[in-house]
PDB file of N, CA and C in Angstrom:
ATOM      1  N   MET A   1      78.919 113.604 153.924  1.00  0.00           N
ATOM      2  CA  MET A   1      79.627 113.470 153.061  1.00  0.00           C
ATOM      3  C   MET A   1      80.734 113.928 154.370  1.00  0.00           C
ATOM      4  N   PRO A   2      81.977 114.016 154.190  1.00  0.00           N
ATOM      5  CA  PRO A   2      83.023 114.045 154.649  1.00  0.00           C
ATOM      6  C   PRO A   2      84.332 115.526 154.922  1.00  0.00           C
ATOM      7  N   ARG A   3      84.224 116.393 155.481  1.00  0.00           N
ATOM      8  CA  ARG A   3      84.581 117.551 154.932  1.00  0.00           C
ATOM      9  C   ARG A   3      85.756 117.370 154.807  1.00  0.00           C
ATOM     10  N   THR A   4      87.017 118.507 154.143  1.00  0.00           N
ATOM     11  CA  THR A   4      88.309 118.611 153.805  1.00  0.00           C
ATOM     12  C   THR A   4      89.048 119.512 155.347  1.00  0.00           C
ATOM     13  N   SER A   5      90.130 119.280 155.932  1.00  0.00           N
ATOM     14  CA  SER A   5      90.500 119.875 156.493  1.00  0.00           C
ATOM     15  C   SER A   5      91.550 120.980 155.228  1.00  0.00           C
ATOM     16  N   PRO A   6      91.519 121.849 156.290  1.00  0.00           N
ATOM     17  CA  PRO A   6      92.269 122.935 156.208  1.00  0.00           C
ATOM     18  C   PRO A   6      93.495 122.765 154.953  1.00  0.00           C
ATOM     19  N   GLU A   7      94.707 121.691 155.907  1.00  0.00           N
ATOM     20  CA  GLU A   7      95.574 121.796 155.474  1.00  0.00           C
ATOM     21  C   GLU A   7      96.451 121.120 154.179  1.00  0.00           C
ATOM     22  N   ARG A   8      94.426 120.098 154.406  1.00  0.00           N
ATOM     23  CA  ARG A   8      95.241 119.256 153.038  1.00  0.00           C
ATOM     24  C   ARG A   8      93.537 119.522 151.287  1.00  0.00           C
ATOM     25  N   PRO A   9      94.539 119.611 150.960  1.00  0.00           N
ATOM     26  CA  PRO A   9      93.512 120.735 149.737  1.00  0.00           C
ATOM     27  C   PRO A   9      92.372 119.330 148.943  1.00  0.00           C
ATOM     28  N   ALA A  10      91.655 120.129 148.869  1.00  0.00           N
ATOM     29  CA  ALA A  10      90.697 118.354 148.112  1.00  0.00           C
ATOM     30  C   ALA A  10      91.409 117.753 147.269  1.00  0.00           C
ATOM     31  N   PHE A  11      92.250 119.038 145.988  1.00  0.00           N
ATOM     32  CA  PHE A  11      92.793 117.353 145.172  1.00  0.00           C
ATOM     33  C   PHE A  11      93.354 116.632 145.476  1.00  0.00           C
ATOM     34  N   LEU A  12      94.091 115.797 146.553  1.00  0.00           N
ATOM     35  CA  LEU A  12      94.662 115.062 146.948  1.00  0.00           C
ATOM     36  C   LEU A  12      93.795 114.120 147.164  1.00  0.00           C
ATOM     37  N   GLY A  13      93.106 114.323 147.737  1.00  0.00           N
ATOM     38  CA  GLY A  13      91.752 113.179 147.984  1.00  0.00           C
ATOM     39  C   GLY A  13      92.374 112.090 149.260  1.00  0.00           C
ATOM     40  N   THR A  14      92.159 110.550 148.867  1.00  0.00           N
ATOM     41  CA  THR A  14      92.192 109.016 149.489  1.00  0.00           C
ATOM     42  C   THR A  14      93.266 108.543 148.286  1.00  0.00           C
ATOM     43  N   TRP A  15      93.643 107.916 149.175  1.00  0.00           N
ATOM     44  CA  TRP A  15      94.915 107.140 147.794  1.00  0.00           C
ATOM     45  C   TRP A  15      93.907 106.569 147.009  1.00  0.00           C
ATOM     46  N   TRP A  16      93.073 106.008 147.665  1.00  0.00           N
ATOM     47  CA  TRP A  16      92.285 104.569 145.561  1.00  0.00           C
ATOM     48  C   TRP A  16      91.918 105.939 145.249  1.00  0.00           C
ATOM     49  N   GLU A  17      91.775 107.504 145.762  1.00  0.00           N
ATOM     50  CA  GLU A  17      90.787 108.825 144.123  1.00  0.00           C
ATOM     51  C   GLU A  17      92.366 109.011 143.630  1.00  0.00           C
ATOM     52  N   LYS A  18      93.995 108.302 144.155  1.00  0.00           N
ATOM     53  CA  LYS A  18      95.161 109.025 143.656  1.00  0.00           C
ATOM     54  C   LYS A  18      94.810 108.419 142.164  1.00  0.00           C
ATOM     55  N   VAL A  19      95.033 107.090 142.771  1.00  0.00           N
ATOM     56  CA  VAL A  19      95.215 105.629 142.042  1.00  0.00           C
ATOM     57  C   VAL A  19      94.232 105.753 140.913  1.00  0.00           C
ATOM     58  N   LEU A  20      92.776 105.700 141.161  1.00  0.00           N
ATOM     59  CA  LEU A  20      91.915 106.033 139.970  1.00  0.00           C
ATOM     60  C   LEU A  20      92.697 106.699 139.102  1.00  0.00           C
ATOM     61  N   ALA A  21      93.274 108.392 139.811  1.00  0.00           N
ATOM     62  CA  ALA A  21      93.751 109.640 138.660  1.00  0.00           C
ATOM     63  C   ALA A  21      94.590 109.197 138.025  1.00  0.00           C
ATOM     64  N   VAL A  22      95.746 107.860 138.493  1.00  0.00           N
ATOM     65  CA  VAL A  22      96.601 108.083 137.863  1.00  0.00           C
ATOM     66  C   VAL A  22      96.717 107.070 136.882  1.00  0.00           C
ATOM     67  N   VAL A  23      95.702 105.954 136.921  1.00  0.00           N
ATOM     68  CA  VAL A  23      95.538 104.630 136.106  1.00  0.00           C
ATOM     69  C   VAL A  23      94.331 105.992 134.975  1.00  0.00           C
ATOM     70  N   VAL A  24      93.615 106.771 135.261  1.00  0.00           N
ATOM     71  CA  VAL A  24      92.532 107.644 134.259  1.00  0.00           C
ATOM     72  C   VAL A  24      94.055 107.970 133.168  1.00  0.00           C
ATOM     73  N   LEU A  25      94.573 108.763 134.029  1.00  0.00           N
ATOM     74  CA  LEU A  25      95.724 109.665 132.947  1.00  0.00           C
ATOM     75  C   LEU A  25      96.581 108.424 132.531  1.00  0.00           C
ATOM     76  N   VAL A  26      97.044 107.598 132.582  1.00  0.00           N
ATOM     77  CA  VAL A  26      97.662 106.250 131.853  1.00  0.00           C
ATOM     78  C   VAL A  26      97.271 106.113 131.066  1.00  0.00           C
ATOM     79  N   ALA A  27      96.141 105.545 130.882  1.00  0.00           N
ATOM     80  CA  ALA A  27      94.919 104.997 129.609  1.00  0.00           C
ATOM     81  C   ALA A  27      94.603 106.108 128.651  1.00  0.00           C
ATOM     82  N   ALA A  28      94.442 107.348 129.270  1.00  0.00           N
ATOM     83  CA  ALA A  28      94.235 108.610 127.715  1.00  0.00           C
ATOM     84  C   ALA A  28      95.380 109.058 127.644  1.00  0.00           C
ATOM     85  N   VAL A  29      97.160 108.551 128.519  1.00  0.00           N
ATOM     86  CA  VAL A  29      97.814 109.066 127.166  1.00  0.00           C
ATOM     87  C   VAL A  29      98.180 106.962 126.387  1.00  0.00           C
ATOM     88  N   LEU A  30      98.162 106.817 126.170  1.00  0.00           N
ATOM     89  CA  LEU A  30      97.658 104.855 125.747  1.00  0.00           C
ATOM     90  C   LEU A  30      96.823 105.278 124.437  1.00  0.00           C
ATOM     91  N   LEU A  31      95.569 105.965 125.290  1.00  0.00           N
ATOM     92  CA  LEU A  31      94.694 106.273 123.582  1.00  0.00           C
ATOM     93  C   LEU A  31      94.819 107.464 122.921  1.00  0.00           C
ATOM     94  N   ALA A  32      95.605 108.217 123.263  1.00  0.00           N
ATOM     95  CA  ALA A  32      96.486 109.492 122.438  1.00  0.00           C
ATOM     96  C   ALA A  32      97.877 108.972 121.617  1.00  0.00           C
ATOM     97  N   LEU A  33      98.624 107.936 122.440  1.00  0.00           N
ATOM     98  CA  LEU A  33      99.589 106.887 121.222  1.00  0.00           C
ATOM     99  C   LEU A  33      98.997 106.259 120.453  1.00  0.00           C
ATOM    100  N   GLN A  34      97.525 106.296 120.848  1.00  0.00           N
ATOM    101  CA  GLN A  34      97.266 104.770 119.367  1.00  0.00           C
ATOM    102  C   GLN A  34      96.088 105.822 118.872  1.00  0.00           C
ATOM    103  N   TRP A  35      96.092 106.382 118.829  1.00  0.00           N
ATOM    104  CA  TRP A  35      94.886 107.405 117.901  1.00  0.00           C
ATOM    105  C   TRP A  35      96.703 108.198 116.746  1.00  0.00           C
ATOM    106  N   TRP A  36      97.871 108.655 117.149  1.00  0.00           N
ATOM    107  CA  TRP A  36      98.840 109.363 116.491  1.00  0.00           C
ATOM    108  C   TRP A  36      99.914 108.233 115.674  1.00  0.00           C
ATOM    109  N   ASN A  37      99.683 106.604 116.456  1.00  0.00           N
ATOM    110  CA  ASN A  37     100.978 105.881 115.604  1.00  0.00           C
ATOM    111  C   ASN A  37      99.642 105.704 114.113  1.00  0.00           C
ATOM    112  N   GLY A  38      98.343 105.306 114.590  1.00  0.00           N
ATOM    113  CA  GLY A  38      96.975 105.627 113.780  1.00  0.00           C
ATOM    114  C   GLY A  38      97.328 106.304 112.255  1.00  0.00           C
ATOM    115  N   ARG A  39      97.710 107.703 112.850  1.00  0.00           N
ATOM    116  CA  ARG A  39      97.309 108.140 112.082  1.00  0.00           C
ATOM    117  C   ARG A  39      98.360 107.796 111.214  1.00  0.00           C
ATOM    118  N   GLY A  40     100.137 107.967 110.854  1.00  0.00           N
ATOM    119  CA  GLY A  40     101.097 107.747 110.446  1.00  0.00           C
ATOM    120  C   GLY A  40     100.862 106.525 109.764  1.00  0.00           C
ATOM    121  N   SER A  41      99.879 105.222 110.091  1.00  0.00           N
ATOM    122  CA  SER A  41     100.780 103.908 109.130  1.00  0.00           C
ATOM    123  C   SER A  41      99.528 103.708 107.748  1.00  0.00           C
ATOM    124  N   SER A  42      98.680 105.048 107.254  1.00  0.00           N
ATOM    125  CA  SER A  42      98.170 105.229 106.254  1.00  0.00           C
ATOM    126  C   SER A  42      98.967 105.166 105.431  1.00  0.00           C
ATOM    127  N   GLY A  43      98.068 104.966 103.856  1.00  0.00           N
ATOM    128  CA  GLY A  43      98.552 104.521 102.685  1.00  0.00           C
ATOM    129  C   GLY A  43     100.116 103.703 102.684  1.00  0.00           C
ATOM    130  N   PRO A  44     100.398 103.650 100.754  1.00  0.00           N
ATOM    131  CA  PRO A  44     101.014 103.084 100.816  1.00  0.00           C
ATOM    132  C   PRO A  44     102.559 102.185 101.515  1.00  0.00           C
ATOM    133  N   ALA A  45     102.964 101.073 101.865  1.00  0.00           N
ATOM    134  CA  ALA A  45     104.172 100.520 101.931  1.00  0.00           C
ATOM    135  C   ALA A  45     105.139 101.702 101.932  1.00  0.00           C
ATOM    136  N   ARG A  46     105.933 101.952 102.787  1.00  0.00           N
ATOM    137  CA  ARG A  46     107.473 102.555 102.526  1.00  0.00           C
ATOM    138  C   ARG A  46     108.384 101.542 101.682  1.00  0.00           C
ATOM    139  N   PRO A  47     109.360 101.763 100.855  1.00  0.00           N
ATOM    140  CA  PRO A  47     109.897 100.897 101.125  1.00  0.00           C
ATOM    141  C   PRO A  47     111.267 100.565 101.877  1.00  0.00           C
ATOM    142  N   GLY A  48     111.501  99.175 102.173  1.00  0.00           N
ATOM    143  CA  GLY A  48     112.762  98.998 103.033  1.00  0.00           C
ATOM    144  C   GLY A  48     113.897  99.221 102.123  1.00  0.00           C
ATOM    145  N   MET A  49     115.252  99.251 103.076  1.00  0.00           N
ATOM    146  CA  MET A  49     116.349  99.306 102.716  1.00  0.00           C
ATOM    147  C   MET A  49     117.220  98.459 102.939  1.00  0.00           C
ATOM    148  N   ALA A  50     118.004  98.364 102.463  1.00  0.00           N
ATOM    149  CA  ALA A  50     119.201  97.113 102.773  1.00  0.00           C
ATOM    150  C   ALA A  50     120.472  97.087 102.360  1.00  0.00           C
ATOM    151  N   PRO A  51     121.216  96.634 103.533  1.00  0.00           N
ATOM    152  CA  PRO A  51     123.223  96.803 103.143  1.00  0.00           C
ATOM    153  C   PRO A  51     123.403  95.664 101.810  1.00  0.00           C
ATOM    154  N   ALA A  52     124.131  96.088 101.055  1.00  0.00           N
ATOM    155  CA  ALA A  52     124.635  94.622  99.599  1.00  0.00           C
ATOM    156  C   ALA A  52     125.703  94.173  99.839  1.00  0.00           C
ATOM    157  N   ALA A  53     125.931  93.027  99.680  1.00  0.00           N
ATOM    158  CA  ALA A  53     128.119  92.530  99.257  1.00  0.00           C
ATOM    159  C   ALA A  53     127.385  92.464  97.838  1.00  0.00           C
ATOM    160  N   VAL A  54     128.649  92.798  97.368  1.00  0.00           N
ATOM    161  CA  VAL A  54     128.393  92.689  95.782  1.00  0.00           C
ATOM    162  C   VAL A  54     129.637  91.650  95.290  1.00  0.00           C
ATOM    163  N   LEU A  55     128.418  90.312  94.629  1.00  0.00           N
ATOM    164  CA  LEU A  55     128.675  89.380  94.450  1.00  0.00           C
ATOM    165  C   LEU A  55     129.305  89.547  92.918  1.00  0.00           C
ATOM    166  N   GLU A  56     129.235  90.178  92.164  1.00  0.00           N
ATOM    167  CA  GLU A  56     130.080  90.007  90.676  1.00  0.00           C
ATOM    168  C   GLU A  56     129.762  91.431  90.566  1.00  0.00           C
ATOM    169  N   GLN A  57     130.921  91.998  89.408  1.00  0.00           N
ATOM    170  CA  GLN A  57     130.307  93.053  88.614  1.00  0.00           C
ATOM    171  C   GLN A  57     130.947  92.659  87.172  1.00  0.00           C
ATOM    172  N   GLY A  58     130.183  93.338  86.212  1.00  0.00           N
ATOM    173  CA  GLY A  58     130.033  93.153  85.062  1.00  0.00           C
ATOM    174  C   GLY A  58     131.155  94.084  84.065  1.00  0.00           C
ATOM    175  N   THR A  59     131.622  93.847  82.975  1.00  0.00           N
ATOM    176  CA  THR A  59     132.524  94.974  82.444  1.00  0.00           C
ATOM    177  C   THR A  59     131.386  95.845  82.117  1.00  0.00           C
ATOM    178  N   ALA A  60     131.846  97.090  81.921  1.00  0.00           N
ATOM    179  CA  ALA A  60     131.619  98.341  81.466  1.00  0.00           C
ATOM    180  C   ALA A  60     130.752  98.110  80.129  1.00  0.00           C
ATOM    181  N   THR A  61     129.610  98.487  79.547  1.00  0.00           N
ATOM    182  CA  THR A  61     129.416  98.644  78.278  1.00  0.00           C
ATOM    183  C   THR A  61     128.419  99.931  78.587  1.00  0.00           C
ATOM    184  N   GLY A  62     128.903 101.192  77.043  1.00  0.00           N
ATOM    185  CA  GLY A  62     128.404 102.642  77.501  1.00  0.00           C
ATOM    186  C   GLY A  62     127.943 103.192  78.318  1.00  0.00           C
ATOM    187  N   GLY A  63     128.643 103.606  79.642  1.00  0.00           N
ATOM    188  CA  GLY A  63     129.125 103.574  80.990  1.00  0.00           C
ATOM    189  C   GLY A  63     128.453 103.129  82.268  1.00  0.00           C
ATOM    190  N   GLU A  64     128.189 102.120  81.912  1.00  0.00           N
ATOM    191  CA  GLU A  64     127.397 100.825  82.910  1.00  0.00           C
ATOM    192  C   GLU A  64     127.297 100.044  82.876  1.00  0.00           C
ATOM    193  N   THR A  65     127.256  99.082  84.288  1.00  0.00           N
ATOM    194  CA  THR A  65     127.845  97.842  84.562  1.00  0.00           C
ATOM    195  C   THR A  65     127.288  96.932  84.500  1.00  0.00           C
ATOM    196  N   ASP A  66     126.706  95.594  84.978  1.00  0.00           N
ATOM    197  CA  ASP A  66     125.644  94.909  85.517  1.00  0.00           C
ATOM    198  C   ASP A  66     126.061  94.962  86.674  1.00  0.00           C
ATOM    199  N   LEU A  67     125.542  94.988  87.825  1.00  0.00           N
ATOM    200  CA  LEU A  67     125.875  94.913  88.794  1.00  0.00           C
ATOM    201  C   LEU A  67     125.161  93.806  89.149  1.00  0.00           C
ATOM    202  N   THR A  68     126.049  92.364  90.069  1.00  0.00           N
ATOM    203  CA  THR A  68     125.017  90.931  91.251  1.00  0.00           C
ATOM    204  C   THR A  68     125.492  92.096  92.679  1.00  0.00           C
ATOM    205  N   VAL A  69     123.709  91.446  93.369  1.00  0.00           N
ATOM    206  CA  VAL A  69     124.357  91.850  94.693  1.00  0.00           C
ATOM    207  C   VAL A  69     123.584  91.005  95.687  1.00  0.00           C
ATOM    208  N   ARG A  70     123.818  90.512  96.692  1.00  0.00           N
ATOM    209  CA  ARG A  70     123.061  89.942  97.930  1.00  0.00           C
ATOM    210  C   ARG A  70     122.696  90.341  99.116  1.00  0.00           C
ATOM    211  N   TYR A  71     122.128  90.442  99.300  1.00  0.00           N
ATOM    212  CA  TYR A  71     120.906  91.252 100.658  1.00  0.00           C
ATOM    213  C   TYR A  71     120.078  90.183 100.937  1.00  0.00           C
ATOM    214  N   THR A  72     119.843  90.588 102.499  1.00  0.00           N
ATOM    215  CA  THR A  72     119.614  89.904 103.516  1.00  0.00           C
ATOM    216  C   THR A  72     118.381  90.424 104.201  1.00  0.00           C
ATOM    217  N   VAL A  73     116.873  89.844 103.803  1.00  0.00           N
ATOM    218  CA  VAL A  73     115.681  90.753 104.368  1.00  0.00           C
ATOM    219  C   VAL A  73     115.141  89.566 105.651  1.00  0.00           C
ATOM    220  N   ASP A  74     114.749  89.602 106.593  1.00  0.00           N
ATOM    221  CA  ASP A  74     113.628  88.896 107.918  1.00  0.00           C
ATOM    222  C   ASP A  74     114.685  87.739 107.878  1.00  0.00           C
ATOM    223  N   GLY A  75     115.991  87.691 107.906  1.00  0.00           N
ATOM    224  CA  GLY A  75     116.797  86.213 107.625  1.00  0.00           C
ATOM    225  C   GLY A  75     116.722  85.426 106.742  1.00  0.00           C
ATOM    226  N   LYS A  76     116.703  86.106 105.352  1.00  0.00           N
ATOM    227  CA  LYS A  76     116.406  85.194 103.968  1.00  0.00           C
ATOM    228  C   LYS A  76     117.461  86.416 103.096  1.00  0.00           C
ATOM    229  N   SER A  77     118.263  85.199 102.180  1.00  0.00           N
ATOM    230  CA  SER A  77     119.236  85.754 101.212  1.00  0.00           C
ATOM    231  C   SER A  77     118.049  86.323 100.081  1.00  0.00           C
ATOM    232  N   HIS A  78     118.814  87.221  99.619  1.00  0.00           N
ATOM    233  CA  HIS A  78     118.361  87.347  98.099  1.00  0.00           C
ATOM    234  C   HIS A  78     119.442  87.781  97.786  1.00  0.00           C
ATOM    235  N   GLN A  79     119.103  88.048  95.785  1.00  0.00           N
ATOM    236  CA  GLN A  79     119.829  88.779  94.717  1.00  0.00           C
ATOM    237  C   GLN A  79     119.679  89.402  93.842  1.00  0.00           C
ATOM    238  N   VAL A  80     120.064  90.614  93.623  1.00  0.00           N
ATOM    239  CA  VAL A  80     119.456  90.904  91.796  1.00  0.00           C
ATOM    240  C   VAL A  80     120.673  90.816  91.365  1.00  0.00           C
ATOM    241  N   THR A  81     120.163  91.728  90.425  1.00  0.00           N
ATOM    242  CA  THR A  81     120.878  92.275  89.380  1.00  0.00           C
ATOM    243  C   THR A  81     120.531  93.532  88.086  1.00  0.00           C
ATOM    244  N   ALA A  82     121.335  94.629  88.467  1.00  0.00           N
ATOM    245  CA  ALA A  82     120.752  95.066  87.498  1.00  0.00           C
ATOM    246  C   ALA A  82     121.256  96.304  87.330  1.00  0.00           C
ATOM    247  N   PRO A  83     121.363  97.020  85.627  1.00  0.00           N
ATOM    248  CA  PRO A  83     122.900  98.170  85.015  1.00  0.00           C
ATOM    249  C   PRO A  83     122.860  99.377  86.779  1.00  0.00           C
ATOM    250  N   VAL A  84     124.192  99.734  87.155  1.00  0.00           N
ATOM    251  CA  VAL A  84     124.369 101.071  87.594  1.00  0.00           C
ATOM    252  C   VAL A  84     125.182 101.755  86.605  1.00  0.00           C
ATOM    253  N   ASN A  85     125.003 102.906  86.841  1.00  0.00           N
ATOM    254  CA  ASN A  85     127.114 103.983  86.062  1.00  0.00           C
ATOM    255  C   ASN A  85     127.948 103.293  87.095  1.00  0.00           C
ATOM    256  N   ALA A  86     129.232 102.857  85.470  1.00  0.00           N
ATOM    257  CA  ALA A  86     130.304 102.313  86.439  1.00  0.00           C
ATOM    258  C   ALA A  86     131.024 103.505  86.850  1.00  0.00           C
ATOM    259  N   ASN A  87     131.555 104.265  86.630  1.00  0.00           N
ATOM    260  CA  ASN A  87     132.436 105.778  87.012  1.00  0.00           C
ATOM    261  C   ASN A  87     131.686 105.987  88.373  1.00  0.00           C
ATOM    262  N   ALA A  88     130.465 105.933  89.270  1.00  0.00           N
ATOM    263  CA  ALA A  88     129.131 106.147  90.377  1.00  0.00           C
ATOM    264  C   ALA A  88     129.843 105.173  91.484  1.00  0.00           C
ATOM    265  N   PHE A  89     129.631 103.832  90.893  1.00  0.00           N
ATOM    266  CA  PHE A  89     129.873 103.080  91.241  1.00  0.00           C
ATOM    267  C   PHE A  89     131.732 102.086  91.814  1.00  0.00           C
ATOM    268  N   ARG A  90     132.196 103.174  91.041  1.00  0.00           N
ATOM    269  CA  ARG A  90     134.515 103.058  91.851  1.00  0.00           C
ATOM    270  C   ARG A  90     133.835 104.354  92.052  1.00  0.00           C
ATOM    271  N   ALA A  91     134.058 106.021  92.071  1.00  0.00           N
ATOM    272  CA  ALA A  91     133.670 106.640  92.825  1.00  0.00           C
ATOM    273  C   ALA A  91     133.146 106.712  93.783  1.00  0.00           C
ATOM    274  N   GLN A  92     131.830 105.987  94.320  1.00  0.00           N
ATOM    275  CA  GLN A  92     131.191 106.079  95.678  1.00  0.00           C
ATOM    276  C   GLN A  92     131.664 104.947  96.571  1.00  0.00           C
ATOM    277  N   GLY A  93     132.895 103.615  96.040  1.00  0.00           N
ATOM    278  CA  GLY A  93     133.340 103.046  96.974  1.00  0.00           C
ATOM    279  C   GLY A  93     133.376 101.529  96.534  1.00  0.00           C
ATOM    280  N   ARG A  94     132.123 101.285  95.949  1.00  0.00           N
ATOM    281  CA  ARG A  94     132.041 100.700  94.998  1.00  0.00           C
ATOM    282  C   ARG A  94     131.207  99.138  96.485  1.00  0.00           C
ATOM    283  N   VAL A  95     130.610 100.297  96.646  1.00  0.00           N
ATOM    284  CA  VAL A  95     129.544 100.238  97.937  1.00  0.00           C
ATOM    285  C   VAL A  95     127.794 100.111  97.111  1.00  0.00           C
ATOM    286  N   ALA A  96     127.087  99.512  97.187  1.00  0.00           N
ATOM    287  CA  ALA A  96     125.528  98.939  97.473  1.00  0.00           C
ATOM    288  C   ALA A  96     124.556  99.296  97.842  1.00  0.00           C
ATOM    289  N   TRP A  97     123.036 100.271  97.532  1.00  0.00           N
ATOM    290  CA  TRP A  97     122.453  99.544  98.750  1.00  0.00           C
ATOM    291  C   TRP A  97     121.096  98.673  97.735  1.00  0.00           C
ATOM    292  N   VAL A  98     120.079  97.812  98.586  1.00  0.00           N
ATOM    293  CA  VAL A  98     119.370  97.151  97.607  1.00  0.00           C
ATOM    294  C   VAL A  98     117.756  98.340  98.064  1.00  0.00           C
ATOM    295  N   CYS A  99     116.845  98.770  97.420  1.00  0.00           N
ATOM    296  CA  CYS A  99     115.416  99.609  98.044  1.00  0.00           C
ATOM    297  C   CYS A  99     114.495  98.069  96.871  1.00  0.00           C
ATOM    298  N   TYR A 100     113.905  98.307  98.461  1.00  0.00           N
ATOM    299  CA  TYR A 100     113.380  96.159  98.250  1.00  0.00           C
ATOM    300  C   TYR A 100     111.714  96.541  98.462  1.00  0.00           C
ATOM    301  N   ALA A 101     110.220  96.027  98.001  1.00  0.00           N
ATOM    302  CA  ALA A 101     108.837  96.306  98.396  1.00  0.00           C
ATOM    303  C   ALA A 101     108.559  95.060  99.587  1.00  0.00           C
ATOM    304  N   PRO A 102     108.177  96.248 101.237  1.00  0.00           N
ATOM    305  CA  PRO A 102     108.007  95.549 101.946  1.00  0.00           C
ATOM    306  C   PRO A 102     107.082  94.028 101.586  1.00  0.00           C
ATOM    307  N   SER A 103     106.230  93.817 101.596  1.00  0.00           N
ATOM    308  CA  SER A 103     105.329  92.990 100.710  1.00  0.00           C
ATOM    309  C   SER A 103     106.041  91.615  99.934  1.00  0.00           C
ATOM    310  N   ASP A 104     106.984  92.466  99.162  1.00  0.00           N
ATOM    311  CA  ASP A 104     107.497  91.145  98.429  1.00  0.00           C
ATOM    312  C   ASP A 104     109.643  91.561  97.997  1.00  0.00           C
ATOM    313  N   PRO A 105     109.634  90.832  99.114  1.00  0.00           N
ATOM    314  CA  PRO A 105     111.701  91.250  99.453  1.00  0.00           C
ATOM    315  C   PRO A 105     112.099  91.117  97.640  1.00  0.00           C
ATOM    316  N   THR A 106     111.759  89.948  96.552  1.00  0.00           N
ATOM    317  CA  THR A 106     112.447  89.174  95.602  1.00  0.00           C
ATOM    318  C   THR A 106     112.308  90.418  94.376  1.00  0.00           C
ATOM    319  N   ASP A 107     111.549  91.711  94.929  1.00  0.00           N
ATOM    320  CA  ASP A 107     110.858  92.886  94.383  1.00  0.00           C
ATOM    321  C   ASP A 107     111.866  93.909  94.659  1.00  0.00           C
ATOM    322  N   ALA A 108     113.622  94.436  93.758  1.00  0.00           N
ATOM    323  CA  ALA A 108     114.338  95.192  94.863  1.00  0.00           C
ATOM    324  C   ALA A 108     114.848  95.538  93.213  1.00  0.00           C
ATOM    325  N   SER A 109     115.991  96.838  93.519  1.00  0.00           N
ATOM    326  CA  SER A 109     116.283  97.868  92.456  1.00  0.00           C
ATOM    327  C   SER A 109     117.539  98.477  93.609  1.00  0.00           C
ATOM    328  N   ILE A 110     118.600  98.791  92.621  1.00  0.00           N
ATOM    329  CA  ILE A 110     119.900  98.414  93.477  1.00  0.00           C
ATOM    330  C   ILE A 110     120.694 100.094  93.011  1.00  0.00           C
ATOM    331  N   ARG A 111     120.687 101.050  94.510  1.00  0.00           N
ATOM    332  CA  ARG A 111     121.184 102.219  94.204  1.00  0.00           C
ATOM    333  C   ARG A 111     122.238 102.277  95.212  1.00  0.00           C
ATOM    334  N   LEU A 112     123.345 103.219  95.088  1.00  0.00           N
ATOM    335  CA  LEU A 112     124.258 103.521  94.950  1.00  0.00           C
ATOM    336  C   LEU A 112     124.211 105.031  96.154  1.00  0.00           C
ATOM    337  N   PRO A 113     125.649 104.989  97.063  1.00  0.00           N
ATOM    338  CA  PRO A 113     125.523 105.759  98.389  1.00  0.00           C
ATOM    339  C   PRO A 113     124.879 107.017  98.323  1.00  0.00           C
ATOM    340  N   GLU A 114     125.128 107.711  96.837  1.00  0.00           N
ATOM    341  CA  GLU A 114     124.462 108.570  96.582  1.00  0.00           C
ATOM    342  C   GLU A 114     123.628 109.389  95.389  1.00  0.00           C
ATOM    343  N   ASP A 115     122.861 108.204  95.571  1.00  0.00           N
ATOM    344  CA  ASP A 115     121.299 107.357  94.783  1.00  0.00           C
ATOM    345  C   ASP A 115     120.506 108.490  95.786  1.00  0.00           C
ATOM    346  N   PRO A 116     119.383 108.419  95.338  1.00  0.00           N
ATOM    347  CA  PRO A 116     118.388 109.535  95.991  1.00  0.00           C
ATOM    348  C   PRO A 116     118.213 108.456  97.050  1.00  0.00           C
ATOM    349  N   LEU A 117     117.644 108.416  98.420  1.00  0.00           N
ATOM    350  CA  LEU A 117     116.472 107.711  99.326  1.00  0.00           C
ATOM    351  C   LEU A 117     115.839 106.555  98.507  1.00  0.00           C
ATOM    352  N   CYS A 118     115.586 105.178  98.697  1.00  0.00           N
ATOM    353  CA  CYS A 118     114.195 104.781  99.094  1.00  0.00           C
ATOM    354  C   CYS A 118     112.843 105.323  98.994  1.00  0.00           C
ATOM    355  N   GLY A 119     112.036 105.549  97.217  1.00  0.00           N
ATOM    356  CA  GLY A 119     110.733 105.844  97.661  1.00  0.00           C
ATOM    357  C   GLY A 119     110.966 107.070  97.315  1.00  0.00           C
ATOM    358  N   GLN A 120     112.041 107.831  97.369  1.00  0.00           N
ATOM    359  CA  GLN A 120     112.205 109.236  96.726  1.00  0.00           C
ATOM    360  C   GLN A 120     111.799 109.710  95.625  1.00  0.00           C
ATOM    361  N   ARG A 121     112.272 110.686  95.120  1.00  0.00           N
ATOM    362  CA  ARG A 121     112.272 111.192  93.862  1.00  0.00           C
ATOM    363  C   ARG A 121     113.062 112.470  93.751  1.00  0.00           C
TER     364      ARG A 121
END
């Protein structure tokens, strides 16, 4: 067994021991990251959110107006019509967003900028 000289500490070792130590360290970090990512993906899928282009605004009745918007998910264009508060829509700059289920992008609802985020109550 070779003796380590006093000038060279034992933990540095030979070049292949250094390479092995780096490989083990990288593998440990990758396993830790894999474990961490696996923890967060359990449970129901969070709803997606997409910007919407307003196609048509119906006449306001009872403070609400039917809004028809177009949105794009994964390169496919979809359309949804839903009632929104007419005054809030006008006051918030006539901007709308769409909340959709990631498993079925056609299952969507319209939200205004000051509404709660998708999936929050």
